Amino acid sequence: MTEENNRDYNFEAQLFDVDSIIEASKDSVDDILARRIENKGNLQDQNERKKYAIYTFRLVAFYVFTILFITVSCGLEWLKLSDTVILALLGGSLAQIIGLFAFVMKYLFPNKGQKTDNDTNE
């Protein structure tokens, strides 16, 4: 054989350090366990967000229907309120509903790049 062919078939035996392999597998297991714990936390966060999103929707819906009932009651003269009180009630209620909904939704569903309080604790 020529020297070029010898180079192609020249295999060197590689010795593996058993301790480094065991250490690497421990790191892998630790990473897998950490990801599983993180996934469980994310799943719990999703369930809590879903629950509080439903609560917020119900609160806002109840609030809207209450204001609608008061407005219709004033229109049908079941309830006597002055025009300024009705305007203040409608304007203030609209601001409260939008503010509450926006605040809760921004907390429950933050932007992906935005850090939450939980991220700063790590």
N, C-alpha and C. Protein backbone atom coordinates (compact mmCIF):
# COMPACT_ATOMS: atom_id res chain seq x y z
N MET A 1 0.84 -1.18 0.00
CA MET A 1 0.00 0.00 0.00
C MET A 1 0.87 1.24 0.00
N THR A 2 0.33 2.24 -0.57
CA THR A 2 1.05 3.49 -0.56
C THR A 2 0.77 4.22 0.73
N GLU A 3 1.51 5.26 0.91
CA GLU A 3 1.35 6.03 2.15
C GLU A 3 -0.03 6.69 2.22
N GLU A 4 -0.58 7.10 1.08
CA GLU A 4 -1.91 7.72 1.05
C GLU A 4 -2.98 6.75 1.50
N ASN A 5 -2.88 5.50 1.08
CA ASN A 5 -3.84 4.49 1.49
C ASN A 5 -3.71 4.18 2.98
N ASN A 6 -2.49 4.21 3.49
CA ASN A 6 -2.28 3.97 4.92
C ASN A 6 -2.95 5.06 5.76
N ARG A 7 -2.91 6.27 5.27
CA ARG A 7 -3.55 7.37 5.99
C ARG A 7 -5.06 7.16 6.08
N ASP A 8 -5.67 6.66 5.04
CA ASP A 8 -7.11 6.43 5.03
C ASP A 8 -7.53 5.36 6.03
N TYR A 9 -6.68 4.38 6.21
CA TYR A 9 -7.05 3.26 7.07
C TYR A 9 -6.38 3.31 8.44
N ASN A 10 -5.78 4.40 8.77
CA ASN A 10 -5.10 4.51 10.05
C ASN A 10 -6.10 4.97 11.11
N PHE A 11 -6.59 4.04 11.90
CA PHE A 11 -7.54 4.34 12.96
C PHE A 11 -6.82 4.32 14.29
N GLU A 12 -7.07 5.31 15.08
CA GLU A 12 -6.48 5.31 16.41
C GLU A 12 -7.55 4.91 17.40
N ALA A 13 -7.18 4.10 18.31
CA ALA A 13 -8.12 3.68 19.35
C ALA A 13 -8.36 4.84 20.30
N GLN A 14 -9.62 5.12 20.53
CA GLN A 14 -9.96 6.20 21.46
C GLN A 14 -10.41 5.59 22.77
N LEU A 15 -9.81 6.05 23.82
CA LEU A 15 -10.20 5.58 25.14
C LEU A 15 -11.19 6.56 25.73
N PHE A 16 -12.26 6.03 26.27
CA PHE A 16 -13.28 6.87 26.87
C PHE A 16 -13.08 6.89 28.37
N ASP A 17 -13.19 8.06 28.92
CA ASP A 17 -13.10 8.22 30.35
C ASP A 17 -14.48 7.94 30.93
N VAL A 18 -14.62 6.88 31.67
CA VAL A 18 -15.90 6.45 32.21
C VAL A 18 -16.49 7.52 33.12
N ASP A 19 -15.64 8.15 33.92
CA ASP A 19 -16.14 9.18 34.84
C ASP A 19 -16.74 10.36 34.09
N SER A 20 -16.12 10.75 32.97
CA SER A 20 -16.66 11.88 32.21
C SER A 20 -17.99 11.51 31.55
N ILE A 21 -18.12 10.26 31.13
CA ILE A 21 -19.39 9.80 30.53
C ILE A 21 -20.49 9.80 31.58
N ILE A 22 -20.18 9.32 32.78
CA ILE A 22 -21.17 9.30 33.87
C ILE A 22 -21.56 10.72 34.24
N GLU A 23 -20.57 11.61 34.31
CA GLU A 23 -20.85 13.02 34.65
C GLU A 23 -21.72 13.67 33.59
N ALA A 24 -21.43 13.38 32.32
CA ALA A 24 -22.23 13.94 31.22
C ALA A 24 -23.66 13.42 31.27
N SER A 25 -23.84 12.15 31.60
CA SER A 25 -25.19 11.60 31.67
C SER A 25 -25.94 12.19 32.87
N LYS A 26 -25.24 12.48 33.97
CA LYS A 26 -25.89 13.12 35.12
C LYS A 26 -26.36 14.52 34.74
N ASP A 27 -25.51 15.25 34.00
CA ASP A 27 -25.91 16.58 33.55
C ASP A 27 -27.13 16.49 32.65
N SER A 28 -27.15 15.48 31.78
CA SER A 28 -28.30 15.32 30.88
C SER A 28 -29.56 15.02 31.68
N VAL A 29 -29.44 14.15 32.67
CA VAL A 29 -30.60 13.80 33.51
C VAL A 29 -31.07 15.03 34.27
N ASP A 30 -30.12 15.81 34.80
CA ASP A 30 -30.50 17.03 35.52
C ASP A 30 -31.20 18.02 34.59
N ASP A 31 -30.71 18.13 33.35
CA ASP A 31 -31.36 19.02 32.38
C ASP A 31 -32.76 18.54 32.05
N ILE A 32 -32.91 17.24 31.89
CA ILE A 32 -34.23 16.68 31.58
C ILE A 32 -35.19 16.92 32.74
N LEU A 33 -34.73 16.70 33.96
CA LEU A 33 -35.58 16.93 35.13
C LEU A 33 -35.94 18.41 35.26
N ALA A 34 -34.98 19.28 35.00
CA ALA A 34 -35.25 20.72 35.07
C ALA A 34 -36.28 21.13 34.02
N ARG A 35 -36.17 20.58 32.82
CA ARG A 35 -37.15 20.89 31.77
C ARG A 35 -38.54 20.36 32.13
N ARG A 36 -38.58 19.17 32.74
CA ARG A 36 -39.89 18.62 33.15
C ARG A 36 -40.53 19.49 34.21
N ILE A 37 -39.73 19.93 35.17
CA ILE A 37 -40.26 20.82 36.22
C ILE A 37 -40.74 22.12 35.60
N GLU A 38 -39.95 22.66 34.68
CA GLU A 38 -40.35 23.90 34.00
C GLU A 38 -41.63 23.71 33.20
N ASN A 39 -41.75 22.56 32.53
CA ASN A 39 -42.96 22.28 31.76
C ASN A 39 -44.18 22.15 32.67
N LYS A 40 -44.01 21.52 33.84
CA LYS A 40 -45.12 21.43 34.78
C LYS A 40 -45.54 22.81 35.26
N GLY A 41 -44.54 23.66 35.52
CA GLY A 41 -44.84 25.03 35.94
C GLY A 41 -45.57 25.80 34.84
N ASN A 42 -45.13 25.62 33.60
CA ASN A 42 -45.80 26.29 32.48
C ASN A 42 -47.23 25.80 32.32
N LEU A 43 -47.44 24.49 32.49
CA LEU A 43 -48.79 23.93 32.40
C LEU A 43 -49.68 24.49 33.50
N GLN A 44 -49.14 24.59 34.71
CA GLN A 44 -49.91 25.16 35.81
C GLN A 44 -50.23 26.64 35.52
N ASP A 45 -49.25 27.38 34.99
CA ASP A 45 -49.49 28.78 34.62
C ASP A 45 -50.61 28.89 33.58
N GLN A 46 -50.59 28.00 32.60
CA GLN A 46 -51.63 28.02 31.57
C GLN A 46 -53.01 27.76 32.17
N ASN A 47 -53.08 26.78 33.06
CA ASN A 47 -54.37 26.48 33.70
C ASN A 47 -54.86 27.65 34.55
N GLU A 48 -53.95 28.27 35.29
CA GLU A 48 -54.33 29.43 36.11
C GLU A 48 -54.75 30.61 35.22
N ARG A 49 -54.04 30.84 34.15
CA ARG A 49 -54.40 31.92 33.25
C ARG A 49 -55.77 31.69 32.65
N LYS A 50 -56.04 30.44 32.28
CA LYS A 50 -57.35 30.12 31.71
C LYS A 50 -58.45 30.38 32.74
N LYS A 51 -58.20 29.95 33.99
CA LYS A 51 -59.19 30.13 35.05
C LYS A 51 -59.45 31.61 35.30
N TYR A 52 -58.38 32.40 35.43
CA TYR A 52 -58.57 33.82 35.71
C TYR A 52 -59.09 34.60 34.51
N ALA A 53 -58.80 34.12 33.31
CA ALA A 53 -59.38 34.75 32.12
C ALA A 53 -60.90 34.55 32.13
N ILE A 54 -61.35 33.36 32.52
CA ILE A 54 -62.79 33.10 32.61
C ILE A 54 -63.42 33.96 33.70
N TYR A 55 -62.77 34.05 34.86
CA TYR A 55 -63.29 34.89 35.95
C TYR A 55 -63.38 36.36 35.52
N THR A 56 -62.36 36.83 34.84
CA THR A 56 -62.35 38.22 34.39
C THR A 56 -63.46 38.45 33.38
N PHE A 57 -63.63 37.52 32.45
CA PHE A 57 -64.69 37.66 31.46
C PHE A 57 -66.06 37.70 32.14
N ARG A 58 -66.27 36.82 33.12
CA ARG A 58 -67.56 36.81 33.82
C ARG A 58 -67.80 38.11 34.58
N LEU A 59 -66.76 38.62 35.23
CA LEU A 59 -66.89 39.88 35.96
C LEU A 59 -67.23 41.02 35.01
N VAL A 60 -66.52 41.11 33.90
CA VAL A 60 -66.77 42.17 32.93
C VAL A 60 -68.17 42.03 32.32
N ALA A 61 -68.57 40.80 32.01
CA ALA A 61 -69.91 40.58 31.44
C ALA A 61 -70.99 40.97 32.44
N PHE A 62 -70.82 40.59 33.71
CA PHE A 62 -71.79 40.97 34.73
C PHE A 62 -71.87 42.48 34.87
N TYR A 63 -70.71 43.12 34.87
CA TYR A 63 -70.65 44.58 35.00
C TYR A 63 -71.35 45.26 33.82
N VAL A 64 -71.10 44.76 32.62
CA VAL A 64 -71.73 45.34 31.42
C VAL A 64 -73.25 45.15 31.48
N PHE A 65 -73.70 43.96 31.83
CA PHE A 65 -75.14 43.73 31.90
C PHE A 65 -75.81 44.56 33.00
N THR A 66 -75.11 44.79 34.10
CA THR A 66 -75.65 45.64 35.16
C THR A 66 -75.82 47.07 34.67
N ILE A 67 -74.81 47.59 33.99
CA ILE A 67 -74.90 48.95 33.45
C ILE A 67 -75.98 49.02 32.37
N LEU A 68 -76.07 47.98 31.55
CA LEU A 68 -77.12 47.94 30.53
C LEU A 68 -78.50 47.92 31.18
N PHE A 69 -78.66 47.15 32.25
CA PHE A 69 -79.95 47.09 32.94
C PHE A 69 -80.32 48.45 33.53
N ILE A 70 -79.33 49.12 34.14
CA ILE A 70 -79.60 50.44 34.71
C ILE A 70 -79.98 51.43 33.60
N THR A 71 -79.28 51.36 32.48
CA THR A 71 -79.58 52.28 31.37
C THR A 71 -80.97 52.02 30.79
N VAL A 72 -81.32 50.76 30.61
CA VAL A 72 -82.66 50.42 30.08
C VAL A 72 -83.73 50.80 31.10
N SER A 73 -83.43 50.58 32.38
CA SER A 73 -84.41 50.95 33.42
C SER A 73 -84.66 52.46 33.42
N CYS A 74 -83.62 53.24 33.17
CA CYS A 74 -83.81 54.69 33.09
C CYS A 74 -84.60 55.07 31.84
N GLY A 75 -84.35 54.36 30.75
CA GLY A 75 -85.08 54.63 29.51
C GLY A 75 -86.55 54.29 29.62
N LEU A 76 -86.87 53.23 30.33
CA LEU A 76 -88.27 52.83 30.51
C LEU A 76 -88.91 53.50 31.72
N GLU A 77 -88.16 54.37 32.36
CA GLU A 77 -88.60 55.15 33.52
C GLU A 77 -88.97 54.29 34.72
N TRP A 78 -88.30 53.13 34.85
CA TRP A 78 -88.43 52.33 36.05
C TRP A 78 -87.54 52.91 37.14
N LEU A 79 -86.49 53.57 36.72
CA LEU A 79 -85.52 54.16 37.61
C LEU A 79 -85.32 55.60 37.18
N LYS A 80 -85.37 56.51 38.12
CA LYS A 80 -85.25 57.93 37.80
C LYS A 80 -83.88 58.43 38.20
N LEU A 81 -83.04 58.71 37.19
CA LEU A 81 -81.71 59.29 37.41
C LEU A 81 -81.57 60.49 36.49
N SER A 82 -80.84 61.49 36.95
CA SER A 82 -80.64 62.66 36.10
C SER A 82 -79.68 62.31 34.95
N ASP A 83 -79.68 63.17 33.93
CA ASP A 83 -78.83 62.94 32.76
C ASP A 83 -77.35 62.93 33.13
N THR A 84 -76.95 63.81 34.02
CA THR A 84 -75.53 63.86 34.40
C THR A 84 -75.11 62.59 35.14
N VAL A 85 -76.00 62.04 35.96
CA VAL A 85 -75.68 60.81 36.67
C VAL A 85 -75.56 59.65 35.68
N ILE A 86 -76.44 59.59 34.72
CA ILE A 86 -76.38 58.53 33.70
C ILE A 86 -75.11 58.64 32.87
N LEU A 87 -74.76 59.87 32.46
CA LEU A 87 -73.53 60.07 31.70
C LEU A 87 -72.29 59.71 32.52
N ALA A 88 -72.28 60.09 33.78
CA ALA A 88 -71.15 59.75 34.64
C ALA A 88 -71.06 58.23 34.84
N LEU A 89 -72.22 57.60 35.01
CA LEU A 89 -72.25 56.15 35.19
C LEU A 89 -71.74 55.43 33.95
N LEU A 90 -72.20 55.84 32.77
CA LEU A 90 -71.76 55.20 31.54
C LEU A 90 -70.29 55.46 31.24
N GLY A 91 -69.85 56.70 31.38
CA GLY A 91 -68.45 57.04 31.11
C GLY A 91 -67.49 56.39 32.07
N GLY A 92 -67.81 56.45 33.36
CA GLY A 92 -66.95 55.83 34.36
C GLY A 92 -66.92 54.32 34.24
N SER A 93 -68.06 53.74 33.94
CA SER A 93 -68.13 52.29 33.79
C SER A 93 -67.33 51.82 32.58
N LEU A 94 -67.44 52.56 31.50
CA LEU A 94 -66.68 52.19 30.31
C LEU A 94 -65.18 52.25 30.58
N ALA A 95 -64.73 53.29 31.26
CA ALA A 95 -63.31 53.41 31.59
C ALA A 95 -62.87 52.28 32.54
N GLN A 96 -63.69 51.95 33.51
CA GLN A 96 -63.35 50.87 34.44
C GLN A 96 -63.29 49.52 33.74
N ILE A 97 -64.23 49.26 32.88
CA ILE A 97 -64.26 47.98 32.18
C ILE A 97 -63.03 47.83 31.30
N ILE A 98 -62.74 48.85 30.51
CA ILE A 98 -61.57 48.78 29.62
C ILE A 98 -60.29 48.67 30.43
N GLY A 99 -60.17 49.46 31.49
CA GLY A 99 -58.97 49.41 32.33
C GLY A 99 -58.78 48.07 33.00
N LEU A 100 -59.83 47.54 33.59
CA LEU A 100 -59.75 46.24 34.26
C LEU A 100 -59.38 45.15 33.27
N PHE A 101 -60.07 45.12 32.16
CA PHE A 101 -59.83 44.09 31.16
C PHE A 101 -58.41 44.18 30.62
N ALA A 102 -57.95 45.38 30.30
CA ALA A 102 -56.60 45.55 29.76
C ALA A 102 -55.54 45.18 30.79
N PHE A 103 -55.73 45.59 32.03
CA PHE A 103 -54.76 45.30 33.09
C PHE A 103 -54.64 43.79 33.33
N VAL A 104 -55.77 43.13 33.46
CA VAL A 104 -55.76 41.70 33.75
C VAL A 104 -55.21 40.92 32.57
N MET A 105 -55.61 41.26 31.37
CA MET A 105 -55.15 40.53 30.19
C MET A 105 -53.65 40.75 29.96
N LYS A 106 -53.16 41.93 30.24
CA LYS A 106 -51.72 42.19 30.08
C LYS A 106 -50.92 41.36 31.09
N TYR A 107 -51.46 41.18 32.29
CA TYR A 107 -50.78 40.36 33.29
C TYR A 107 -50.88 38.88 32.94
N LEU A 108 -52.06 38.44 32.52
CA LEU A 108 -52.24 37.02 32.24
C LEU A 108 -51.52 36.57 30.99
N PHE A 109 -51.42 37.44 30.00
CA PHE A 109 -50.82 37.08 28.73
C PHE A 109 -49.74 38.09 28.36
N PRO A 110 -48.59 38.05 29.04
CA PRO A 110 -47.52 39.02 28.74
C PRO A 110 -46.89 38.73 27.39
N ASN A 111 -46.22 39.74 26.83
CA ASN A 111 -45.49 39.54 25.58
C ASN A 111 -44.37 38.54 25.82
N LYS A 112 -44.00 37.81 24.78
CA LYS A 112 -42.97 36.78 24.92
C LYS A 112 -41.64 37.37 25.37
N GLY A 113 -41.26 38.53 24.85
CA GLY A 113 -39.98 39.13 25.20
C GLY A 113 -40.01 39.89 26.51
N GLN A 114 -41.18 40.17 27.02
CA GLN A 114 -41.32 40.97 28.24
C GLN A 114 -41.09 40.09 29.46
N LYS A 115 -40.29 40.59 30.39
CA LYS A 115 -40.04 39.83 31.61
C LYS A 115 -41.15 40.07 32.61
N THR A 116 -41.56 39.01 33.29
CA THR A 116 -42.56 39.12 34.35
C THR A 116 -41.85 39.10 35.68
N ASP A 117 -42.59 39.25 36.75
CA ASP A 117 -42.01 39.21 38.10
C ASP A 117 -41.36 37.87 38.38
N ASN A 118 -41.94 36.78 37.84
CA ASN A 118 -41.39 35.45 38.08
C ASN A 118 -40.02 35.30 37.42
N ASP A 119 -39.79 35.96 36.27
CA ASP A 119 -38.52 35.84 35.57
C ASP A 119 -37.41 36.57 36.29
N THR A 120 -37.73 37.63 37.01
CA THR A 120 -36.69 38.40 37.70
C THR A 120 -36.22 37.70 38.97
N ASN A 121 -37.02 36.77 39.49
CA ASN A 121 -36.63 36.06 40.71
C ASN A 121 -35.58 35.00 40.43
N GLU A 122 -35.40 34.60 39.19
CA GLU A 122 -34.47 33.52 38.85
C GLU A 122 -33.05 34.00 38.81
